[in-house]
Amino acid sequence: MEEKFIPYEKMSAKERRKIDNMRRGTWGGTVPVTKKVPSGKIYTRKQKHKANFDV
């Protein structure tokens, strides 16, 4: 017999937890913080062109 479709909201907490654990994966060794793109609005103290800065 075919299982009936049950909406996620109406499932028991145990069933939802089981589905969530199946969907949840790993980051594969990557750290999400290192993937953050730096904002262009914030001030950076580093000089952009340090090689061209000769005094």
PDB file of N, CA and C in Angstrom:
ATOM      1  N   MET A   1       0.842  -1.189   0.000  1.00  0.00           N
ATOM      2  CA  MET A   1       0.000   0.000   0.000  1.00  0.00           C
ATOM      3  C   MET A   1       0.883   1.247   0.000  1.00  0.00           C
ATOM      4  N   GLU A   2       0.435   2.238  -0.692  1.00  0.00           N
ATOM      5  CA  GLU A   2       1.183   3.479  -0.832  1.00  0.00           C
ATOM      6  C   GLU A   2       0.991   4.359   0.407  1.00  0.00           C
ATOM      7  N   GLU A   3       2.096   4.994   0.856  1.00  0.00           N
ATOM      8  CA  GLU A   3       1.991   5.870   2.022  1.00  0.00           C
ATOM      9  C   GLU A   3       1.293   7.165   1.638  1.00  0.00           C
ATOM     10  N   LYS A   4       0.467   7.677   2.534  1.00  0.00           N
ATOM     11  CA  LYS A   4      -0.231   8.929   2.278  1.00  0.00           C
ATOM     12  C   LYS A   4       0.727  10.100   2.485  1.00  0.00           C
ATOM     13  N   PHE A   5       0.498  11.167   1.716  1.00  0.00           N
ATOM     14  CA  PHE A   5       1.292  12.380   1.876  1.00  0.00           C
ATOM     15  C   PHE A   5       0.807  13.134   3.101  1.00  0.00           C
ATOM     16  N   ILE A   6       1.730  13.436   4.001  1.00  0.00           N
ATOM     17  CA  ILE A   6       1.415  14.204   5.202  1.00  0.00           C
ATOM     18  C   ILE A   6       2.228  15.493   5.141  1.00  0.00           C
ATOM     19  N   PRO A   7       1.581  16.663   5.252  1.00  0.00           N
ATOM     20  CA  PRO A   7       2.328  17.923   5.235  1.00  0.00           C
ATOM     21  C   PRO A   7       3.340  17.967   6.374  1.00  0.00           C
ATOM     22  N   TYR A   8       4.433  18.653   6.111  1.00  0.00           N
ATOM     23  CA  TYR A   8       5.522  18.740   7.089  1.00  0.00           C
ATOM     24  C   TYR A   8       5.033  19.314   8.417  1.00  0.00           C
ATOM     25  N   GLU A   9       4.167  20.326   8.349  1.00  0.00           N
ATOM     26  CA  GLU A   9       3.675  20.979   9.563  1.00  0.00           C
ATOM     27  C   GLU A   9       2.851  20.045  10.438  1.00  0.00           C
ATOM     28  N   LYS A  10       2.211  19.061   9.819  1.00  0.00           N
ATOM     29  CA  LYS A  10       1.337  18.159  10.569  1.00  0.00           C
ATOM     30  C   LYS A  10       2.047  16.896  11.037  1.00  0.00           C
ATOM     31  N   MET A  11       3.309  16.707  10.664  1.00  0.00           N
ATOM     32  CA  MET A  11       4.048  15.517  11.107  1.00  0.00           C
ATOM     33  C   MET A  11       4.388  15.631  12.586  1.00  0.00           C
ATOM     34  N   SER A  12       4.640  14.503  13.186  1.00  0.00           N
ATOM     35  CA  SER A  12       5.067  14.500  14.581  1.00  0.00           C
ATOM     36  C   SER A  12       6.487  15.043  14.664  1.00  0.00           C
ATOM     37  N   ALA A  13       6.862  15.481  15.837  1.00  0.00           N
ATOM     38  CA  ALA A  13       8.188  16.053  16.028  1.00  0.00           C
ATOM     39  C   ALA A  13       9.271  15.030  15.707  1.00  0.00           C
ATOM     40  N   LYS A  14       9.018  13.776  16.037  1.00  0.00           N
ATOM     41  CA  LYS A  14       9.983  12.711  15.780  1.00  0.00           C
ATOM     42  C   LYS A  14      10.193  12.522  14.276  1.00  0.00           C
ATOM     43  N   GLU A  15       9.101  12.543  13.508  1.00  0.00           N
ATOM     44  CA  GLU A  15       9.189  12.388  12.056  1.00  0.00           C
ATOM     45  C   GLU A  15       9.890  13.590  11.417  1.00  0.00           C
ATOM     46  N   ARG A  16       9.560  14.794  11.895  1.00  0.00           N
ATOM     47  CA  ARG A  16      10.213  15.994  11.360  1.00  0.00           C
ATOM     48  C   ARG A  16      11.708  15.974  11.638  1.00  0.00           C
ATOM     49  N   ARG A  17      12.091  15.533  12.831  1.00  0.00           N
ATOM     50  CA  ARG A  17      13.502  15.455  13.201  1.00  0.00           C
ATOM     51  C   ARG A  17      14.241  14.465  12.299  1.00  0.00           C
ATOM     52  N   LYS A  18      13.568  13.345  11.972  1.00  0.00           N
ATOM     53  CA  LYS A  18      14.163  12.339  11.105  1.00  0.00           C
ATOM     54  C   LYS A  18      14.415  12.909   9.704  1.00  0.00           C
ATOM     55  N   ILE A  19      13.434  13.643   9.176  1.00  0.00           N
ATOM     56  CA  ILE A  19      13.573  14.255   7.848  1.00  0.00           C
ATOM     57  C   ILE A  19      14.646  15.339   7.865  1.00  0.00           C
ATOM     58  N   ASP A  20      14.664  16.157   8.921  1.00  0.00           N
ATOM     59  CA  ASP A  20      15.661  17.215   9.026  1.00  0.00           C
ATOM     60  C   ASP A  20      17.072  16.649   9.061  1.00  0.00           C
ATOM     61  N   ASN A  21      17.264  15.555   9.785  1.00  0.00           N
ATOM     62  CA  ASN A  21      18.589  14.941   9.863  1.00  0.00           C
ATOM     63  C   ASN A  21      19.014  14.345   8.526  1.00  0.00           C
ATOM     64  N   MET A  22      18.062  13.852   7.739  1.00  0.00           N
ATOM     65  CA  MET A  22      18.408  13.332   6.417  1.00  0.00           C
ATOM     66  C   MET A  22      18.813  14.462   5.482  1.00  0.00           C
ATOM     67  N   ARG A  23      18.123  15.599   5.553  1.00  0.00           N
ATOM     68  CA  ARG A  23      18.403  16.737   4.675  1.00  0.00           C
ATOM     69  C   ARG A  23      19.667  17.480   5.069  1.00  0.00           C
ATOM     70  N   ARG A  24      19.973  17.470   6.346  1.00  0.00           N
ATOM     71  CA  ARG A  24      21.112  18.230   6.843  1.00  0.00           C
ATOM     72  C   ARG A  24      22.404  17.568   6.392  1.00  0.00           C
ATOM     73  N   GLY A  25      23.268  18.347   5.796  1.00  0.00           N
ATOM     74  CA  GLY A  25      24.526  17.808   5.300  1.00  0.00           C
ATOM     75  C   GLY A  25      25.705  18.424   6.026  1.00  0.00           C
ATOM     76  N   THR A  26      26.883  18.177   5.496  1.00  0.00           N
ATOM     77  CA  THR A  26      28.082  18.745   6.073  1.00  0.00           C
ATOM     78  C   THR A  26      28.596  19.856   5.170  1.00  0.00           C
ATOM     79  N   TRP A  27      29.433  20.677   5.713  1.00  0.00           N
ATOM     80  CA  TRP A  27      30.055  21.747   4.943  1.00  0.00           C
ATOM     81  C   TRP A  27      31.292  21.230   4.220  1.00  0.00           C
ATOM     82  N   GLY A  28      31.673  19.995   4.434  1.00  0.00           N
ATOM     83  CA  GLY A  28      32.807  19.416   3.727  1.00  0.00           C
ATOM     84  C   GLY A  28      34.141  20.015   4.126  1.00  0.00           C
ATOM     85  N   GLY A  29      34.285  20.422   5.373  1.00  0.00           N
ATOM     86  CA  GLY A  29      35.556  20.961   5.839  1.00  0.00           C
ATOM     87  C   GLY A  29      35.714  22.455   5.613  1.00  0.00           C
ATOM     88  N   THR A  30      34.765  23.112   4.952  1.00  0.00           N
ATOM     89  CA  THR A  30      34.868  24.554   4.757  1.00  0.00           C
ATOM     90  C   THR A  30      34.205  25.275   5.906  1.00  0.00           C
ATOM     91  N   VAL A  31      34.764  26.415   6.263  1.00  0.00           N
ATOM     92  CA  VAL A  31      34.215  27.223   7.335  1.00  0.00           C
ATOM     93  C   VAL A  31      33.379  28.332   6.687  1.00  0.00           C
ATOM     94  N   PRO A  32      32.093  28.450   7.027  1.00  0.00           N
ATOM     95  CA  PRO A  32      31.249  29.445   6.367  1.00  0.00           C
ATOM     96  C   PRO A  32      31.706  30.885   6.597  1.00  0.00           C
ATOM     97  N   VAL A  33      32.403  31.143   7.691  1.00  0.00           N
ATOM     98  CA  VAL A  33      32.845  32.505   7.982  1.00  0.00           C
ATOM     99  C   VAL A  33      33.889  32.958   6.969  1.00  0.00           C
ATOM    100  N   THR A  34      34.713  32.033   6.475  1.00  0.00           N
ATOM    101  CA  THR A  34      35.746  32.415   5.520  1.00  0.00           C
ATOM    102  C   THR A  34      35.161  32.708   4.150  1.00  0.00           C
ATOM    103  N   LYS A  35      33.930  32.314   3.896  1.00  0.00           N
ATOM    104  CA  LYS A  35      33.291  32.553   2.607  1.00  0.00           C
ATOM    105  C   LYS A  35      32.585  33.907   2.566  1.00  0.00           C
ATOM    106  N   LYS A  36      32.675  34.686   3.630  1.00  0.00           N
ATOM    107  CA  LYS A  36      31.987  35.962   3.722  1.00  0.00           C
ATOM    108  C   LYS A  36      32.675  36.995   2.832  1.00  0.00           C
ATOM    109  N   VAL A  37      31.890  37.714   2.031  1.00  0.00           N
ATOM    110  CA  VAL A  37      32.432  38.753   1.151  1.00  0.00           C
ATOM    111  C   VAL A  37      32.547  40.036   1.959  1.00  0.00           C
ATOM    112  N   PRO A  38      33.721  40.684   1.944  1.00  0.00           N
ATOM    113  CA  PRO A  38      33.876  41.907   2.732  1.00  0.00           C
ATOM    114  C   PRO A  38      33.008  43.036   2.168  1.00  0.00           C
ATOM    115  N   SER A  39      32.445  43.811   3.067  1.00  0.00           N
ATOM    116  CA  SER A  39      31.573  44.910   2.662  1.00  0.00           C
ATOM    117  C   SER A  39      32.406  46.060   2.122  1.00  0.00           C
ATOM    118  N   GLY A  40      31.914  46.717   1.113  1.00  0.00           N
ATOM    119  CA  GLY A  40      32.614  47.863   0.535  1.00  0.00           C
ATOM    120  C   GLY A  40      32.417  49.130   1.335  1.00  0.00           C
ATOM    121  N   LYS A  41      31.478  49.129   2.268  1.00  0.00           N
ATOM    122  CA  LYS A  41      31.166  50.331   3.034  1.00  0.00           C
ATOM    123  C   LYS A  41      32.076  50.532   4.244  1.00  0.00           C
ATOM    124  N   ILE A  42      32.648  49.454   4.756  1.00  0.00           N
ATOM    125  CA  ILE A  42      33.429  49.579   5.985  1.00  0.00           C
ATOM    126  C   ILE A  42      34.845  50.050   5.677  1.00  0.00           C
ATOM    127  N   TYR A  43      35.459  50.717   6.636  1.00  0.00           N
ATOM    128  CA  TYR A  43      36.814  51.237   6.496  1.00  0.00           C
ATOM    129  C   TYR A  43      37.811  50.108   6.748  1.00  0.00           C
ATOM    130  N   THR A  44      38.779  49.967   5.860  1.00  0.00           N
ATOM    131  CA  THR A  44      39.836  48.978   6.056  1.00  0.00           C
ATOM    132  C   THR A  44      41.148  49.705   6.278  1.00  0.00           C
ATOM    133  N   ARG A  45      41.883  49.279   7.276  1.00  0.00           N
ATOM    134  CA  ARG A  45      43.144  49.937   7.613  1.00  0.00           C
ATOM    135  C   ARG A  45      44.276  49.505   6.700  1.00  0.00           C
ATOM    136  N   LYS A  46      44.135  48.338   6.083  1.00  0.00           N
ATOM    137  CA  LYS A  46      45.179  47.862   5.185  1.00  0.00           C
ATOM    138  C   LYS A  46      45.241  48.746   3.947  1.00  0.00           C
ATOM    139  N   GLN A  47      46.458  48.985   3.470  1.00  0.00           N
ATOM    140  CA  GLN A  47      46.596  49.754   2.241  1.00  0.00           C
ATOM    141  C   GLN A  47      46.304  48.832   1.068  1.00  0.00           C
ATOM    142  N   LYS A  48      45.530  49.335   0.114  1.00  0.00           N
ATOM    143  CA  LYS A  48      45.144  48.505  -1.013  1.00  0.00           C
ATOM    144  C   LYS A  48      46.333  48.167  -1.894  1.00  0.00           C
ATOM    145  N   HIS A  49      47.169  49.162  -2.160  1.00  0.00           N
ATOM    146  CA  HIS A  49      48.293  48.962  -3.092  1.00  0.00           C
ATOM    147  C   HIS A  49      49.603  49.185  -2.335  1.00  0.00           C
ATOM    148  N   LYS A  50      49.949  48.257  -1.486  1.00  0.00           N
ATOM    149  CA  LYS A  50      51.129  48.412  -0.667  1.00  0.00           C
ATOM    150  C   LYS A  50      52.410  48.349  -1.512  1.00  0.00           C
ATOM    151  N   ALA A  51      52.394  47.566  -2.610  1.00  0.00           N
ATOM    152  CA  ALA A  51      53.575  47.444  -3.455  1.00  0.00           C
ATOM    153  C   ALA A  51      53.896  48.751  -4.174  1.00  0.00           C
ATOM    154  N   ASN A  52      52.905  49.564  -4.470  1.00  0.00           N
ATOM    155  CA  ASN A  52      53.111  50.819  -5.176  1.00  0.00           C
ATOM    156  C   ASN A  52      53.405  51.976  -4.231  1.00  0.00           C
ATOM    157  N   PHE A  53      53.439  51.724  -2.957  1.00  0.00           N
ATOM    158  CA  PHE A  53      53.637  52.788  -1.968  1.00  0.00           C
ATOM    159  C   PHE A  53      55.115  52.858  -1.604  1.00  0.00           C
ATOM    160  N   ASP A  54      55.875  53.628  -2.388  1.00  0.00           N
ATOM    161  CA  ASP A  54      57.309  53.803  -2.131  1.00  0.00           C
ATOM    162  C   ASP A  54      57.560  55.254  -1.716  1.00  0.00           C
ATOM    163  N   VAL A  55      58.247  55.419  -0.565  1.00  0.00           N
ATOM    164  CA  VAL A  55      58.548  56.774  -0.081  1.00  0.00           C
ATOM    165  C   VAL A  55      60.024  56.996  -0.107  1.00  0.00           C
TER     166      VAL A  55
END
